[in-house]
Amino acid sequence: MVYFVGAGTGAADLITVRGMRLLERADVIIYAGSLVNPELLNYAESGCEIHDSSKLTLDEVLTIMREAEARGKTTVRLHTGDPSVYGAVREQMDGLDELGIAYESCPGVSACFGAAAVLNMEYTLPDVSQSLIITRMEGRTAVPPRESIESFASHRASMAVYLSAGMTEELSRRLIAGGYPADTPAAIVYKATWPDEETHVCTVGSLAETAKAHGITKTALIVVGDAVAHRNYKKSRLYAPDFSTGYRRAKEQ
């Protein structure tokens, strides 16, 4: 059996309890060595076989899984954040389907939620934004034209931009071209929840200047939108005294 496990945002204690327990019983672990906190490997038993996937191809990863399965071993494929977000897991699952190997997924805390925790922010503030757009700039991997930064920026919703810390000048230009005013609040969160995390609140217009000033070119999430400033929002109707729910009747004013 193969388990795809989300390692969380960085801190070793932000993996889920289920993910931790899967690591504890794993015979083989294949982890994303360039991104996953190596402290998570301390949950593994001393005899566990460990492979760093940053040095492997897809075929090599699948070969390790196939050989482990042939030996009746349990394999954990440990991905950064949540496997479903930029995890390249579907291609591995398709490969396992072809090999007839069963697998399951265990979710993790994605970087955008780690960043929100560091910033003490809520992406979905009433009257400010009720949507969160998760996206990235195109680099060596293309992005469908219909999902351009400009098209998403036109909504002026909360946005979490992955894998784009080295392109902040272009990102800033395209966010403004799409519809965000240059003074829209933004933040650069470097290695959220890691011991060496950095958080720099700025504006859409000053993203590149801020990144350059702090030498940030990778391993950072860009958060954009008025929700970053947590101002000018309306309180939730859910907790208003004159609002009835299935558990509480409205109180007379």
C-alpha atoms as a PDB file:
ATOM      1  CA  MET A   1       0.000   0.000   0.000  1.00  0.00           C
ATOM      2  CA  VAL A   2       1.164   3.525  -0.809  1.00  0.00           C
ATOM      3  CA  TYR A   3       0.048   6.544   1.208  1.00  0.00           C
ATOM      4  CA  PHE A   4       0.376  10.066  -0.174  1.00  0.00           C
ATOM      5  CA  VAL A   5       0.830  12.226   2.914  1.00  0.00           C
ATOM      6  CA  GLY A   6       0.809  16.003   3.211  1.00  0.00           C
ATOM      7  CA  ALA A   7       3.748  17.108   5.350  1.00  0.00           C
ATOM      8  CA  GLY A   8       2.162  20.460   6.192  1.00  0.00           C
ATOM      9  CA  THR A   9       3.661  23.921   5.890  1.00  0.00           C
ATOM     10  CA  GLY A  10       7.013  23.282   7.534  1.00  0.00           C
ATOM     11  CA  ALA A  11       6.811  22.969  11.306  1.00  0.00           C
ATOM     12  CA  ALA A  12       7.170  19.309  12.259  1.00  0.00           C
ATOM     13  CA  ASP A  13       4.137  19.455  14.559  1.00  0.00           C
ATOM     14  CA  LEU A  14       1.839  20.790  11.832  1.00  0.00           C
ATOM     15  CA  ILE A  15       1.503  17.440  10.128  1.00  0.00           C
ATOM     16  CA  THR A  16      -1.875  15.811  10.794  1.00  0.00           C
ATOM     17  CA  VAL A  17      -2.147  13.127  13.462  1.00  0.00           C
ATOM     18  CA  ARG A  18      -3.033  10.639  10.731  1.00  0.00           C
ATOM     19  CA  GLY A  19       0.008  11.661   8.700  1.00  0.00           C
ATOM     20  CA  MET A  20       2.256  11.284  11.734  1.00  0.00           C
ATOM     21  CA  ARG A  21       0.921   7.817  12.444  1.00  0.00           C
ATOM     22  CA  LEU A  22       1.453   6.761   8.841  1.00  0.00           C
ATOM     23  CA  LEU A  23       5.078   7.900   9.094  1.00  0.00           C
ATOM     24  CA  GLU A  24       5.470   5.920  12.306  1.00  0.00           C
ATOM     25  CA  ARG A  25       4.361   2.680  10.636  1.00  0.00           C
ATOM     26  CA  ALA A  26       6.034   3.221   7.249  1.00  0.00           C
ATOM     27  CA  ASP A  27       8.582   0.723   5.967  1.00  0.00           C
ATOM     28  CA  VAL A  28       9.604   3.027   3.115  1.00  0.00           C
ATOM     29  CA  ILE A  29       9.398   6.836   2.939  1.00  0.00           C
ATOM     30  CA  ILE A  30       9.913   8.848  -0.242  1.00  0.00           C
ATOM     31  CA  TYR A  31      10.012  12.517   0.711  1.00  0.00           C
ATOM     32  CA  ALA A  32      10.379  15.770  -1.197  1.00  0.00           C
ATOM     33  CA  GLY A  33      13.821  16.591   0.146  1.00  0.00           C
ATOM     34  CA  SER A  34      14.011  20.073  -1.352  1.00  0.00           C
ATOM     35  CA  LEU A  35      10.890  21.256   0.491  1.00  0.00           C
ATOM     36  CA  VAL A  36       9.875  18.945   3.342  1.00  0.00           C
ATOM     37  CA  ASN A  37      11.242  19.628   6.831  1.00  0.00           C
ATOM     38  CA  PRO A  38      13.643  16.719   7.534  1.00  0.00           C
ATOM     39  CA  GLU A  39      12.570  16.781  11.192  1.00  0.00           C
ATOM     40  CA  LEU A  40       9.435  14.939  10.069  1.00  0.00           C
ATOM     41  CA  LEU A  41      11.586  11.898   9.360  1.00  0.00           C
ATOM     42  CA  ASN A  42      12.128  11.586  13.122  1.00  0.00           C
ATOM     43  CA  TYR A  43       8.628  10.080  13.305  1.00  0.00           C
ATOM     44  CA  ALA A  44       9.852   7.070  11.298  1.00  0.00           C
ATOM     45  CA  GLU A  45      11.100   3.871  12.897  1.00  0.00           C
ATOM     46  CA  SER A  46      14.877   3.376  12.940  1.00  0.00           C
ATOM     47  CA  GLY A  47      14.773   0.651  10.295  1.00  0.00           C
ATOM     48  CA  CYS A  48      12.692   2.638   7.806  1.00  0.00           C
ATOM     49  CA  GLU A  49      14.103   2.934   4.278  1.00  0.00           C
ATOM     50  CA  ILE A  50      14.195   6.612   3.261  1.00  0.00           C
ATOM     51  CA  HIS A  51      14.567   8.130  -0.220  1.00  0.00           C
ATOM     52  CA  ASP A  52      14.936  11.804  -1.201  1.00  0.00           C
ATOM     53  CA  SER A  53      12.758  12.366  -4.288  1.00  0.00           C
ATOM     54  CA  SER A  54      14.519  15.623  -5.201  1.00  0.00           C
ATOM     55  CA  LYS A  55      17.182  13.414  -6.801  1.00  0.00           C
ATOM     56  CA  LEU A  56      14.756  11.022  -8.523  1.00  0.00           C
ATOM     57  CA  THR A  57      12.697  10.884 -11.712  1.00  0.00           C
ATOM     58  CA  LEU A  58       9.059   9.819 -11.796  1.00  0.00           C
ATOM     59  CA  ASP A  59      10.011   6.376 -13.092  1.00  0.00           C
ATOM     60  CA  GLU A  60      12.548   5.973 -10.283  1.00  0.00           C
ATOM     61  CA  VAL A  61       9.939   6.909  -7.671  1.00  0.00           C
ATOM     62  CA  LEU A  62       7.514   4.378  -9.111  1.00  0.00           C
ATOM     63  CA  THR A  63      10.217   1.715  -9.176  1.00  0.00           C
ATOM     64  CA  ILE A  64      10.827   2.182  -5.434  1.00  0.00           C
ATOM     65  CA  MET A  65       7.094   1.912  -4.795  1.00  0.00           C
ATOM     66  CA  ARG A  66       6.784  -1.207  -6.963  1.00  0.00           C
ATOM     67  CA  GLU A  67       9.712  -2.940  -5.279  1.00  0.00           C
ATOM     68  CA  ALA A  68       8.403  -2.060  -1.817  1.00  0.00           C
ATOM     69  CA  GLU A  69       4.988  -3.422  -2.706  1.00  0.00           C
ATOM     70  CA  ALA A  70       6.542  -6.654  -3.975  1.00  0.00           C
ATOM     71  CA  ARG A  71       8.154  -7.053  -0.539  1.00  0.00           C
ATOM     72  CA  GLY A  72       4.848  -6.414   1.250  1.00  0.00           C
ATOM     73  CA  LYS A  73       6.032  -3.069   2.604  1.00  0.00           C
ATOM     74  CA  THR A  74       4.048   0.073   3.435  1.00  0.00           C
ATOM     75  CA  THR A  75       5.238   3.158   1.543  1.00  0.00           C
ATOM     76  CA  VAL A  76       4.635   6.783   2.482  1.00  0.00           C
ATOM     77  CA  ARG A  77       5.095   9.373  -0.251  1.00  0.00           C
ATOM     78  CA  LEU A  78       5.646  12.534   1.787  1.00  0.00           C
ATOM     79  CA  HIS A  79       4.798  15.751  -0.042  1.00  0.00           C
ATOM     80  CA  THR A  80       5.156  19.327   1.096  1.00  0.00           C
ATOM     81  CA  GLY A  81       1.964  21.116   2.208  1.00  0.00           C
ATOM     82  CA  ASP A  82      -1.048  19.293   0.842  1.00  0.00           C
ATOM     83  CA  PRO A  83      -0.429  16.797  -1.968  1.00  0.00           C
ATOM     84  CA  SER A  84      -3.370  18.114  -4.000  1.00  0.00           C
ATOM     85  CA  VAL A  85      -1.787  21.567  -4.507  1.00  0.00           C
ATOM     86  CA  TYR A  86       1.176  21.553  -6.914  1.00  0.00           C
ATOM     87  CA  GLY A  87       2.081  18.087  -5.675  1.00  0.00           C
ATOM     88  CA  ALA A  88       2.385  16.264  -9.039  1.00  0.00           C
ATOM     89  CA  VAL A  89       0.551  13.354  -7.416  1.00  0.00           C
ATOM     90  CA  ARG A  90      -1.887  12.442 -10.169  1.00  0.00           C
ATOM     91  CA  GLU A  91       0.886  11.192 -12.446  1.00  0.00           C
ATOM     92  CA  GLN A  92       2.175   8.993  -9.629  1.00  0.00           C
ATOM     93  CA  MET A  93      -1.316   7.649  -8.978  1.00  0.00           C
ATOM     94  CA  ASP A  94      -1.790   6.868 -12.666  1.00  0.00           C
ATOM     95  CA  GLY A  95       1.493   4.974 -12.583  1.00  0.00           C
ATOM     96  CA  LEU A  96       0.345   3.005  -9.548  1.00  0.00           C
ATOM     97  CA  ASP A  97      -2.956   2.228 -11.288  1.00  0.00           C
ATOM     98  CA  GLU A  98      -1.000   0.728 -14.175  1.00  0.00           C
ATOM     99  CA  LEU A  99       0.998  -1.361 -11.706  1.00  0.00           C
ATOM    100  CA  GLY A 100      -2.106  -2.465  -9.824  1.00  0.00           C
ATOM    101  CA  ILE A 101      -0.891  -0.962  -6.532  1.00  0.00           C
ATOM    102  CA  ALA A 102      -3.460   0.454  -4.100  1.00  0.00           C
ATOM    103  CA  TYR A 103      -3.014   3.921  -2.605  1.00  0.00           C
ATOM    104  CA  GLU A 104      -4.701   6.478  -0.369  1.00  0.00           C
ATOM    105  CA  SER A 105      -4.236  10.188   0.333  1.00  0.00           C
ATOM    106  CA  CYS A 106      -3.803  11.953   3.669  1.00  0.00           C
ATOM    107  CA  PRO A 107      -4.321  15.736   3.460  1.00  0.00           C
ATOM    108  CA  GLY A 108      -1.928  18.315   4.857  1.00  0.00           C
ATOM    109  CA  VAL A 109      -1.835  22.015   5.681  1.00  0.00           C
ATOM    110  CA  SER A 110      -1.003  23.932   2.517  1.00  0.00           C
ATOM    111  CA  ALA A 111       1.331  26.934   2.473  1.00  0.00           C
ATOM    112  CA  CYS A 112      -1.457  29.465   1.993  1.00  0.00           C
ATOM    113  CA  PHE A 113      -2.964  28.437   5.330  1.00  0.00           C
ATOM    114  CA  GLY A 114       0.386  28.493   7.050  1.00  0.00           C
ATOM    115  CA  ALA A 115       0.894  32.005   5.691  1.00  0.00           C
ATOM    116  CA  ALA A 116      -2.536  33.098   6.894  1.00  0.00           C
ATOM    117  CA  ALA A 117      -1.725  31.786  10.363  1.00  0.00           C
ATOM    118  CA  VAL A 118       1.555  33.705  10.436  1.00  0.00           C
ATOM    119  CA  LEU A 119      -0.281  36.861   9.334  1.00  0.00           C
ATOM    120  CA  ASN A 120      -3.240  36.237  11.688  1.00  0.00           C
ATOM    121  CA  MET A 121      -5.521  36.916   8.733  1.00  0.00           C
ATOM    122  CA  GLU A 122      -8.790  35.642   7.341  1.00  0.00           C
ATOM    123  CA  TYR A 123      -9.001  35.363   3.558  1.00  0.00           C
ATOM    124  CA  THR A 124     -12.793  35.536   3.521  1.00  0.00           C
ATOM    125  CA  LEU A 125     -13.760  38.726   5.306  1.00  0.00           C
ATOM    126  CA  PRO A 126     -17.414  39.760   4.774  1.00  0.00           C
ATOM    127  CA  ASP A 127     -17.749  42.732   2.419  1.00  0.00           C
ATOM    128  CA  VAL A 128     -14.037  42.454   1.501  1.00  0.00           C
ATOM    129  CA  SER A 129     -13.613  39.062  -0.149  1.00  0.00           C
ATOM    130  CA  GLN A 130     -15.510  35.794  -0.034  1.00  0.00           C
ATOM    131  CA  SER A 131     -13.145  33.905  -2.312  1.00  0.00           C
ATOM    132  CA  LEU A 132      -9.568  32.670  -2.241  1.00  0.00           C
ATOM    133  CA  ILE A 133      -7.729  32.199  -5.534  1.00  0.00           C
ATOM    134  CA  ILE A 134      -4.778  29.796  -5.417  1.00  0.00           C
ATOM    135  CA  THR A 135      -2.542  30.209  -8.441  1.00  0.00           C
ATOM    136  CA  ARG A 136       1.009  30.652  -9.698  1.00  0.00           C
ATOM    137  CA  MET A 137       2.975  32.487 -12.357  1.00  0.00           C
ATOM    138  CA  GLU A 138       4.032  30.519 -15.401  1.00  0.00           C
ATOM    139  CA  GLY A 139       7.690  29.557 -15.371  1.00  0.00           C
ATOM    140  CA  ARG A 140       9.228  26.361 -16.684  1.00  0.00           C
ATOM    141  CA  THR A 141       5.754  24.868 -16.280  1.00  0.00           C
ATOM    142  CA  ALA A 142       3.060  26.603 -18.323  1.00  0.00           C
ATOM    143  CA  VAL A 143      -0.237  27.957 -17.008  1.00  0.00           C
ATOM    144  CA  PRO A 144      -3.396  27.739 -19.171  1.00  0.00           C
ATOM    145  CA  PRO A 145      -4.000  31.144 -20.840  1.00  0.00           C
ATOM    146  CA  ARG A 146      -7.493  31.338 -19.331  1.00  0.00           C
ATOM    147  CA  GLU A 147      -5.859  31.270 -15.880  1.00  0.00           C
ATOM    148  CA  SER A 148      -3.628  34.293 -16.332  1.00  0.00           C
ATOM    149  CA  ILE A 149      -2.742  36.478 -13.358  1.00  0.00           C
ATOM    150  CA  GLU A 150      -4.581  39.346 -15.059  1.00  0.00           C
ATOM    151  CA  SER A 151      -7.829  37.378 -15.367  1.00  0.00           C
ATOM    152  CA  PHE A 152      -7.787  36.406 -11.704  1.00  0.00           C
ATOM    153  CA  ALA A 153      -6.741  39.905 -10.606  1.00  0.00           C
ATOM    154  CA  SER A 154      -9.889  41.321 -12.207  1.00  0.00           C
ATOM    155  CA  HIS A 155     -11.920  39.824  -9.344  1.00  0.00           C
ATOM    156  CA  ARG A 156      -9.830  41.595  -6.686  1.00  0.00           C
ATOM    157  CA  ALA A 157     -10.462  38.654  -4.367  1.00  0.00           C
ATOM    158  CA  SER A 158      -7.943  37.280  -1.900  1.00  0.00           C
ATOM    159  CA  MET A 159      -5.144  35.567  -3.800  1.00  0.00           C
ATOM    160  CA  ALA A 160      -2.339  33.223  -2.766  1.00  0.00           C
ATOM    161  CA  VAL A 161       0.400  33.037  -5.384  1.00  0.00           C
ATOM    162  CA  TYR A 162       2.699  30.023  -5.188  1.00  0.00           C
ATOM    163  CA  LEU A 163       6.045  29.368  -6.866  1.00  0.00           C
ATOM    164  CA  SER A 164       6.497  32.977  -7.964  1.00  0.00           C
ATOM    165  CA  ALA A 165       8.837  34.618  -5.437  1.00  0.00           C
ATOM    166  CA  GLY A 166      11.544  35.013  -8.068  1.00  0.00           C
ATOM    167  CA  MET A 167       9.232  36.909 -10.434  1.00  0.00           C
ATOM    168  CA  THR A 168       7.775  39.599  -8.185  1.00  0.00           C
ATOM    169  CA  GLU A 169       8.413  42.471 -10.596  1.00  0.00           C
ATOM    170  CA  GLU A 170       6.398  40.842 -13.363  1.00  0.00           C
ATOM    171  CA  LEU A 171       3.819  39.581 -10.879  1.00  0.00           C
ATOM    172  CA  SER A 172       3.301  43.103  -9.560  1.00  0.00           C
ATOM    173  CA  ARG A 173       2.926  44.509 -13.067  1.00  0.00           C
ATOM    174  CA  ARG A 174       0.381  41.873 -14.059  1.00  0.00           C
ATOM    175  CA  LEU A 175      -1.639  42.140 -10.858  1.00  0.00           C
ATOM    176  CA  ILE A 176      -1.994  45.890 -11.424  1.00  0.00           C
ATOM    177  CA  ALA A 177      -2.789  45.405 -15.119  1.00  0.00           C
ATOM    178  CA  GLY A 178      -5.523  42.966 -14.147  1.00  0.00           C
ATOM    179  CA  GLY A 179      -7.283  45.246 -11.709  1.00  0.00           C
ATOM    180  CA  TYR A 180      -5.627  45.451  -8.289  1.00  0.00           C
ATOM    181  CA  PRO A 181      -4.717  49.056  -7.405  1.00  0.00           C
ATOM    182  CA  ALA A 182      -1.001  49.460  -6.723  1.00  0.00           C
ATOM    183  CA  ASP A 183      -1.724  50.248  -3.060  1.00  0.00           C
ATOM    184  CA  THR A 184      -3.607  46.989  -2.486  1.00  0.00           C
ATOM    185  CA  PRO A 185      -2.208  45.263   0.633  1.00  0.00           C
ATOM    186  CA  ALA A 186       0.077  42.296   0.010  1.00  0.00           C
ATOM    187  CA  ALA A 187       2.543  40.173   1.928  1.00  0.00           C
ATOM    188  CA  ILE A 188       5.559  38.022   1.194  1.00  0.00           C
ATOM    189  CA  VAL A 189       5.735  35.064   3.572  1.00  0.00           C
ATOM    190  CA  TYR A 190       9.045  33.211   3.409  1.00  0.00           C
ATOM    191  CA  LYS A 191       9.054  29.622   4.734  1.00  0.00           C
ATOM    192  CA  ALA A 192       5.851  29.982   6.730  1.00  0.00           C
ATOM    193  CA  THR A 193       5.952  28.107  10.074  1.00  0.00           C
ATOM    194  CA  TRP A 194       9.647  27.130   9.679  1.00  0.00           C
ATOM    195  CA  PRO A 195      12.088  28.354  12.365  1.00  0.00           C
ATOM    196  CA  ASP A 196      13.549  30.872   9.900  1.00  0.00           C
ATOM    197  CA  GLU A 197      10.227  32.215   8.578  1.00  0.00           C
ATOM    198  CA  GLU A 198       9.998  35.847   7.490  1.00  0.00           C
ATOM    199  CA  THR A 199       6.886  37.941   6.920  1.00  0.00           C
ATOM    200  CA  HIS A 200       6.941  41.228   5.041  1.00  0.00           C
ATOM    201  CA  VAL A 201       3.707  43.169   4.611  1.00  0.00           C
ATOM    202  CA  CYS A 202       3.775  45.558   1.680  1.00  0.00           C
ATOM    203  CA  THR A 203       1.584  46.508  -1.296  1.00  0.00           C
ATOM    204  CA  VAL A 204       1.060  45.072  -4.741  1.00  0.00           C
ATOM    205  CA  GLY A 205       3.105  47.933  -6.147  1.00  0.00           C
ATOM    206  CA  SER A 206       6.060  47.333  -3.793  1.00  0.00           C
ATOM    207  CA  LEU A 207       6.306  43.538  -4.070  1.00  0.00           C
ATOM    208  CA  ALA A 208       9.518  43.549  -6.101  1.00  0.00           C
ATOM    209  CA  GLU A 209      11.159  46.226  -3.953  1.00  0.00           C
ATOM    210  CA  THR A 210      10.280  44.316  -0.771  1.00  0.00           C
ATOM    211  CA  ALA A 211      11.502  40.958  -2.089  1.00  0.00           C
ATOM    212  CA  LYS A 212      14.786  42.521  -3.233  1.00  0.00           C
ATOM    213  CA  ALA A 213      15.326  44.322   0.068  1.00  0.00           C
ATOM    214  CA  HIS A 214      15.106  41.044   1.962  1.00  0.00           C
ATOM    215  CA  GLY A 215      16.847  38.831  -0.594  1.00  0.00           C
ATOM    216  CA  ILE A 216      13.814  36.612  -1.162  1.00  0.00           C
ATOM    217  CA  THR A 217      13.832  34.739  -4.461  1.00  0.00           C
ATOM    218  CA  LYS A 218      12.234  31.385  -3.607  1.00  0.00           C
ATOM    219  CA  THR A 219      10.378  29.346  -0.973  1.00  0.00           C
ATOM    220  CA  ALA A 220       7.906  32.159  -0.333  1.00  0.00           C
ATOM    221  CA  LEU A 221       4.196  32.650  -0.814  1.00  0.00           C
ATOM    222  CA  ILE A 222       2.755  35.934  -2.069  1.00  0.00           C
ATOM    223  CA  VAL A 223      -0.559  36.915  -0.484  1.00  0.00           C
ATOM    224  CA  VAL A 224      -2.587  39.645  -2.191  1.00  0.00           C
ATOM    225  CA  GLY A 225      -5.839  41.419  -1.388  1.00  0.00           C
ATOM    226  CA  ASP A 226      -7.557  43.844   0.965  1.00  0.00           C
ATOM    227  CA  ALA A 227      -8.054  41.019   3.469  1.00  0.00           C
ATOM    228  CA  VAL A 228      -4.332  41.266   4.299  1.00  0.00           C
ATOM    229  CA  ALA A 229      -5.043  44.584   6.052  1.00  0.00           C
ATOM    230  CA  HIS A 230      -8.090  43.137   7.904  1.00  0.00           C
ATOM    231  CA  ARG A 231      -9.882  46.464   7.807  1.00  0.00           C
ATOM    232  CA  ASN A 232     -13.259  47.768   6.570  1.00  0.00           C
ATOM    233  CA  TYR A 233     -15.053  44.435   6.880  1.00  0.00           C
ATOM    234  CA  LYS A 234     -18.507  43.629   8.237  1.00  0.00           C
ATOM    235  CA  LYS A 235     -18.971  41.268  11.146  1.00  0.00           C
ATOM    236  CA  SER A 236     -20.281  37.813  10.318  1.00  0.00           C
ATOM    237  CA  ARG A 237     -24.080  37.511  10.357  1.00  0.00           C
ATOM    238  CA  LEU A 238     -23.690  34.022  11.821  1.00  0.00           C
ATOM    239  CA  TYR A 239     -23.023  35.412  15.292  1.00  0.00           C
ATOM    240  CA  ALA A 240     -25.323  38.444  15.134  1.00  0.00           C
ATOM    241  CA  PRO A 241     -27.957  38.399  17.913  1.00  0.00           C
ATOM    242  CA  ASP A 242     -30.789  39.049  15.406  1.00  0.00           C
ATOM    243  CA  PHE A 243     -29.742  36.124  13.176  1.00  0.00           C
ATOM    244  CA  SER A 244     -31.414  32.725  13.594  1.00  0.00           C
ATOM    245  CA  THR A 245     -29.615  29.451  12.927  1.00  0.00           C
ATOM    246  CA  GLY A 246     -30.499  25.795  13.303  1.00  0.00           C
ATOM    247  CA  TYR A 247     -28.986  25.989  16.802  1.00  0.00           C
ATOM    248  CA  ARG A 248     -29.969  29.444  18.055  1.00  0.00           C
ATOM    249  CA  ARG A 249     -33.022  31.631  17.744  1.00  0.00           C
ATOM    250  CA  ALA A 250     -32.685  35.347  17.020  1.00  0.00           C
ATOM    251  CA  LYS A 251     -32.911  37.558  20.076  1.00  0.00           C
ATOM    252  CA  GLU A 252     -35.404  40.401  20.137  1.00  0.00           C
ATOM    253  CA  GLN A 253     -33.788  43.797  19.983  1.00  0.00           C
END
